[in-house]
Amino acid sequence: MRSAEVLEQLDAAAEEFLFPDLGHGYYYAVDARLHGYRDAGQWALIVETVGYSPRAGNLIDVLHVFGDCLTSGEPGYGNGDFHERVDNWNQIEDPDEPETYRGGPVVVRGRTIAVAAEPGEDLVNVLRQLVPRHREVLLADEGELRRRIPVDLPEVLRLDQWNHPDLVSGLRPSESETFHQIADVLATGDLSRYAPSLPPNTHWSNWPESGSL
């Protein structure tokens, strides 16, 4: 297994718009997490991007799944990799003012969460209040993570923040310090290969163009 093989797959996904884009115009960025898996003969990488999609009418966790051992589907994402998180959407969005908070608690995967917000506020700002306190219920559980990778493949790396490439600028994953180092970890199993010098930028505030379309 070579790190170049990992990067080649990520670059190919970026060419097909299947690599995670934190500045995606159709999703207001809310949260993100990265998972790396490997053993001596195979690797997998999952990048979660949680975002509010006005078009879909929900807060959605998209799992971008890569690897040389996928148990179904192709690298990137498919329909089954989109996970809606809010159970009571019609109760929290104002029917007369789309993308506006109607009031009341937000029910996420069966959990009722009170928010410090007033009716009339932008819904995206209300949803961003769920992070970081309630981020675990927004992000994927083991069943969702293992849907397309081997259940026994060890997780060796988990990142809640990192420096993510801005795809709009033309930067490919293979040109990103972050993903170069992650590819080295996946290829060698040496966690010391991940030693970032760049500051993390995965917080939603670093992606002001997200959700702008």
Protein backbone atom coordinates (compact mmCIF):
# COMPACT_ATOMS: atom_id res chain seq x y z
CA MET A 1 0.00 0.00 0.00
CA ARG A 2 1.42 3.39 -1.00
CA SER A 3 0.32 6.87 0.02
CA ALA A 4 0.23 7.79 -3.68
CA GLU A 5 -2.64 5.33 -4.17
CA VAL A 6 -4.65 7.08 -1.47
CA LEU A 7 -4.01 10.50 -2.98
CA GLU A 8 -4.82 9.33 -6.49
CA GLN A 9 -8.25 8.19 -5.34
CA LEU A 10 -8.90 11.46 -3.48
CA ASP A 11 -7.81 13.54 -6.48
CA ALA A 12 -10.07 11.51 -8.76
CA ALA A 13 -12.98 12.12 -6.40
CA ALA A 14 -12.27 15.84 -6.41
CA GLU A 15 -12.35 15.83 -10.21
CA GLU A 16 -15.84 14.32 -10.04
CA PHE A 17 -17.01 16.69 -7.26
CA LEU A 18 -17.18 13.77 -4.82
CA PHE A 19 -14.55 15.06 -2.40
CA PRO A 20 -15.85 16.98 0.64
CA ASP A 21 -16.31 20.69 -0.04
CA LEU A 22 -16.82 22.66 3.17
CA GLY A 23 -17.70 25.73 1.13
CA HIS A 24 -20.44 23.97 -0.87
CA GLY A 25 -22.97 26.50 -2.08
CA TYR A 26 -25.96 24.24 -1.37
CA TYR A 27 -25.06 23.51 2.26
CA TYR A 28 -24.48 25.88 5.15
CA ALA A 29 -21.48 24.39 6.96
CA VAL A 30 -22.17 23.30 10.55
CA ASP A 31 -19.63 20.63 11.58
CA ALA A 32 -17.14 18.07 10.27
CA ARG A 33 -15.20 15.01 11.37
CA LEU A 34 -12.60 12.76 9.71
CA HIS A 35 -11.98 9.04 10.31
CA GLY A 36 -9.00 7.04 9.08
CA TYR A 37 -8.95 3.22 9.05
CA ARG A 38 -6.24 0.74 8.11
CA ASP A 39 -4.59 -2.59 8.64
CA ALA A 40 -1.57 -4.14 6.96
CA GLY A 41 -3.36 -4.65 3.66
CA GLN A 42 -6.20 -2.14 3.26
CA TRP A 43 -7.31 1.38 4.07
CA ALA A 44 -10.42 3.53 4.29
CA LEU A 45 -11.13 7.19 4.92
CA ILE A 46 -14.46 8.78 5.85
CA VAL A 47 -15.01 12.52 5.99
CA GLU A 48 -18.29 13.70 7.50
CA THR A 49 -19.69 17.11 6.60
CA VAL A 50 -22.74 18.24 8.54
CA GLY A 51 -24.62 21.02 6.81
CA TYR A 52 -28.01 22.68 6.56
CA SER A 53 -29.55 22.21 3.14
CA PRO A 54 -32.50 24.53 2.48
CA ARG A 55 -33.30 22.55 -0.66
CA ALA A 56 -33.53 19.25 1.21
CA GLY A 57 -35.15 20.90 4.22
CA ASN A 58 -32.98 19.35 6.89
CA LEU A 59 -29.64 19.23 8.66
CA ILE A 60 -27.71 16.52 6.83
CA ASP A 61 -24.57 14.57 7.63
CA VAL A 62 -22.93 13.53 4.35
CA LEU A 63 -20.42 10.69 4.60
CA HIS A 64 -17.69 10.83 1.95
CA VAL A 65 -16.27 7.31 1.87
CA PHE A 66 -12.96 6.30 0.30
CA GLY A 67 -10.75 3.24 0.39
CA ASP A 68 -9.50 0.13 -1.36
CA CYS A 69 -11.84 -2.19 0.57
CA LEU A 70 -15.30 -0.68 0.14
CA THR A 71 -17.99 -3.29 0.70
CA SER A 72 -20.48 -1.46 -1.53
CA GLY A 73 -20.64 1.51 -3.85
CA GLU A 74 -17.87 3.64 -5.29
CA PRO A 75 -15.47 6.12 -3.66
CA GLY A 76 -17.20 9.37 -2.76
CA TYR A 77 -20.85 9.30 -1.76
CA GLY A 78 -24.14 7.83 -2.88
CA ASN A 79 -27.77 8.29 -1.89
CA GLY A 80 -27.31 6.13 1.21
CA ASP A 81 -24.56 8.40 2.52
CA PHE A 82 -26.93 11.32 3.24
CA HIS A 83 -28.28 11.21 6.80
CA GLU A 84 -31.03 13.63 7.85
CA ARG A 85 -30.71 14.53 11.53
CA VAL A 86 -33.71 16.69 12.51
CA ASP A 87 -36.92 14.77 13.22
CA ASN A 88 -39.33 17.71 13.59
CA TRP A 89 -38.30 19.94 10.70
CA ASN A 90 -41.84 21.10 9.90
CA GLN A 91 -42.20 22.31 13.46
CA ILE A 92 -39.03 24.42 13.58
CA GLU A 93 -39.08 26.05 10.12
CA ASP A 94 -41.55 28.87 9.56
CA PRO A 95 -43.84 27.76 6.69
CA ASP A 96 -44.33 31.36 5.60
CA GLU A 97 -40.67 32.37 5.88
CA PRO A 98 -38.39 29.59 4.59
CA GLU A 99 -35.00 29.25 6.32
CA THR A 100 -36.45 31.03 9.37
CA TYR A 101 -36.79 29.59 12.87
CA ARG A 102 -40.39 29.07 13.95
CA GLY A 103 -39.64 28.37 17.62
CA GLY A 104 -39.55 25.42 19.99
CA PRO A 105 -37.01 22.67 20.63
CA VAL A 106 -35.08 20.82 17.95
CA VAL A 107 -35.52 17.04 17.95
CA VAL A 108 -32.38 15.33 16.70
CA ARG A 109 -32.51 11.54 16.31
CA GLY A 110 -35.12 11.28 19.03
CA ARG A 111 -33.39 13.67 21.43
CA THR A 112 -35.25 16.90 22.28
CA ILE A 113 -32.83 19.84 22.47
CA ALA A 114 -33.80 23.29 23.74
CA VAL A 115 -32.09 26.16 21.92
CA ALA A 116 -31.54 29.75 23.06
CA ALA A 117 -33.18 31.37 20.06
CA GLU A 118 -36.20 33.48 19.25
CA PRO A 119 -38.73 32.95 16.46
CA GLY A 120 -37.67 34.85 13.37
CA GLU A 121 -33.96 34.10 13.66
CA ASP A 122 -32.10 32.61 10.71
CA LEU A 123 -32.48 28.86 10.98
CA VAL A 124 -28.85 28.21 10.14
CA ASN A 125 -27.76 30.20 13.20
CA VAL A 126 -30.07 28.14 15.40
CA LEU A 127 -28.71 24.87 14.01
CA ARG A 128 -25.13 25.98 14.54
CA GLN A 129 -25.95 26.39 18.23
CA LEU A 130 -26.13 22.59 18.44
CA VAL A 131 -22.33 22.47 18.11
CA PRO A 132 -20.23 21.63 20.04
CA ARG A 133 -22.45 20.49 22.93
CA HIS A 134 -24.63 18.18 20.84
CA ARG A 135 -22.24 17.36 18.02
CA GLU A 136 -22.10 13.64 18.82
CA VAL A 137 -25.77 13.21 17.98
CA LEU A 138 -25.27 15.08 14.69
CA LEU A 139 -22.29 12.98 13.61
CA ALA A 140 -22.36 9.37 12.45
CA ASP A 141 -22.66 6.37 14.73
CA GLU A 142 -20.74 3.15 14.19
CA GLY A 143 -23.50 1.57 12.15
CA GLU A 144 -23.52 4.47 9.71
CA LEU A 145 -19.74 4.62 9.55
CA ARG A 146 -19.37 0.90 8.87
CA ARG A 147 -22.10 0.70 6.24
CA ARG A 148 -19.59 0.66 3.37
CA ILE A 149 -16.31 -0.43 4.99
CA PRO A 150 -15.31 -3.67 6.77
CA VAL A 151 -16.67 -3.84 10.30
CA ASP A 152 -13.35 -5.12 11.65
CA LEU A 153 -11.06 -2.56 9.99
CA PRO A 154 -9.33 -0.67 12.84
CA GLU A 155 -9.89 3.06 13.17
CA VAL A 156 -6.43 4.59 13.59
CA LEU A 157 -7.14 8.31 13.22
CA ARG A 158 -10.01 10.60 14.15
CA LEU A 159 -9.89 14.36 13.66
CA ASP A 160 -12.45 16.92 14.81
CA GLN A 161 -10.53 19.77 13.19
CA TRP A 162 -7.92 19.99 10.45
CA ASN A 163 -6.80 22.23 7.60
CA HIS A 164 -9.09 21.41 4.68
CA PRO A 165 -8.27 22.35 1.08
CA ASP A 166 -10.43 24.99 -0.59
CA LEU A 167 -11.49 23.18 -3.76
CA VAL A 168 -12.73 26.38 -5.39
CA SER A 169 -9.17 27.71 -5.35
CA GLY A 170 -8.10 24.71 -7.41
CA LEU A 171 -6.11 23.01 -4.65
CA ARG A 172 -6.21 19.24 -5.08
CA PRO A 173 -6.17 16.87 -2.10
CA SER A 174 -2.70 15.68 -3.12
CA GLU A 175 -1.48 19.27 -2.87
CA SER A 176 -2.87 19.63 0.65
CA GLU A 177 -0.43 19.15 3.52
CA THR A 178 -3.24 17.63 5.57
CA PHE A 179 -4.21 14.90 3.15
CA HIS A 180 -0.62 14.19 2.17
CA GLN A 181 0.10 13.43 5.82
CA ILE A 182 -3.12 11.48 6.31
CA ALA A 183 -2.25 9.36 3.26
CA ASP A 184 1.13 8.62 4.84
CA VAL A 185 -0.58 7.51 8.06
CA LEU A 186 -2.96 5.24 6.15
CA ALA A 187 -0.10 3.74 4.15
CA THR A 188 2.31 3.16 7.03
CA GLY A 189 0.30 3.08 10.25
CA ASP A 190 2.73 5.61 11.71
CA LEU A 191 0.60 8.23 13.47
CA SER A 192 3.57 10.56 13.79
CA ARG A 193 3.29 11.18 10.04
CA TYR A 194 0.35 13.45 10.83
CA ALA A 195 2.10 16.57 12.13
CA PRO A 196 0.25 19.58 10.70
CA SER A 197 1.92 22.97 10.48
CA LEU A 198 -1.17 24.76 9.16
CA PRO A 199 -3.97 25.96 11.46
CA PRO A 200 -7.31 24.11 11.36
CA ASN A 201 -10.04 25.72 9.26
CA THR A 202 -12.94 23.27 9.48
CA HIS A 203 -15.05 25.49 11.76
CA TRP A 204 -18.05 26.82 9.83
CA SER A 205 -16.93 30.42 10.35
CA ASN A 206 -14.05 29.80 7.92
CA TRP A 207 -16.44 29.00 5.07
CA PRO A 208 -18.65 32.10 4.66
CA GLU A 209 -19.59 31.16 1.09
CA SER A 210 -21.16 27.87 2.15
CA GLY A 211 -24.90 27.81 1.50
CA SER A 212 -24.75 30.91 -0.67
CA LEU A 213 -26.44 29.43 -3.75
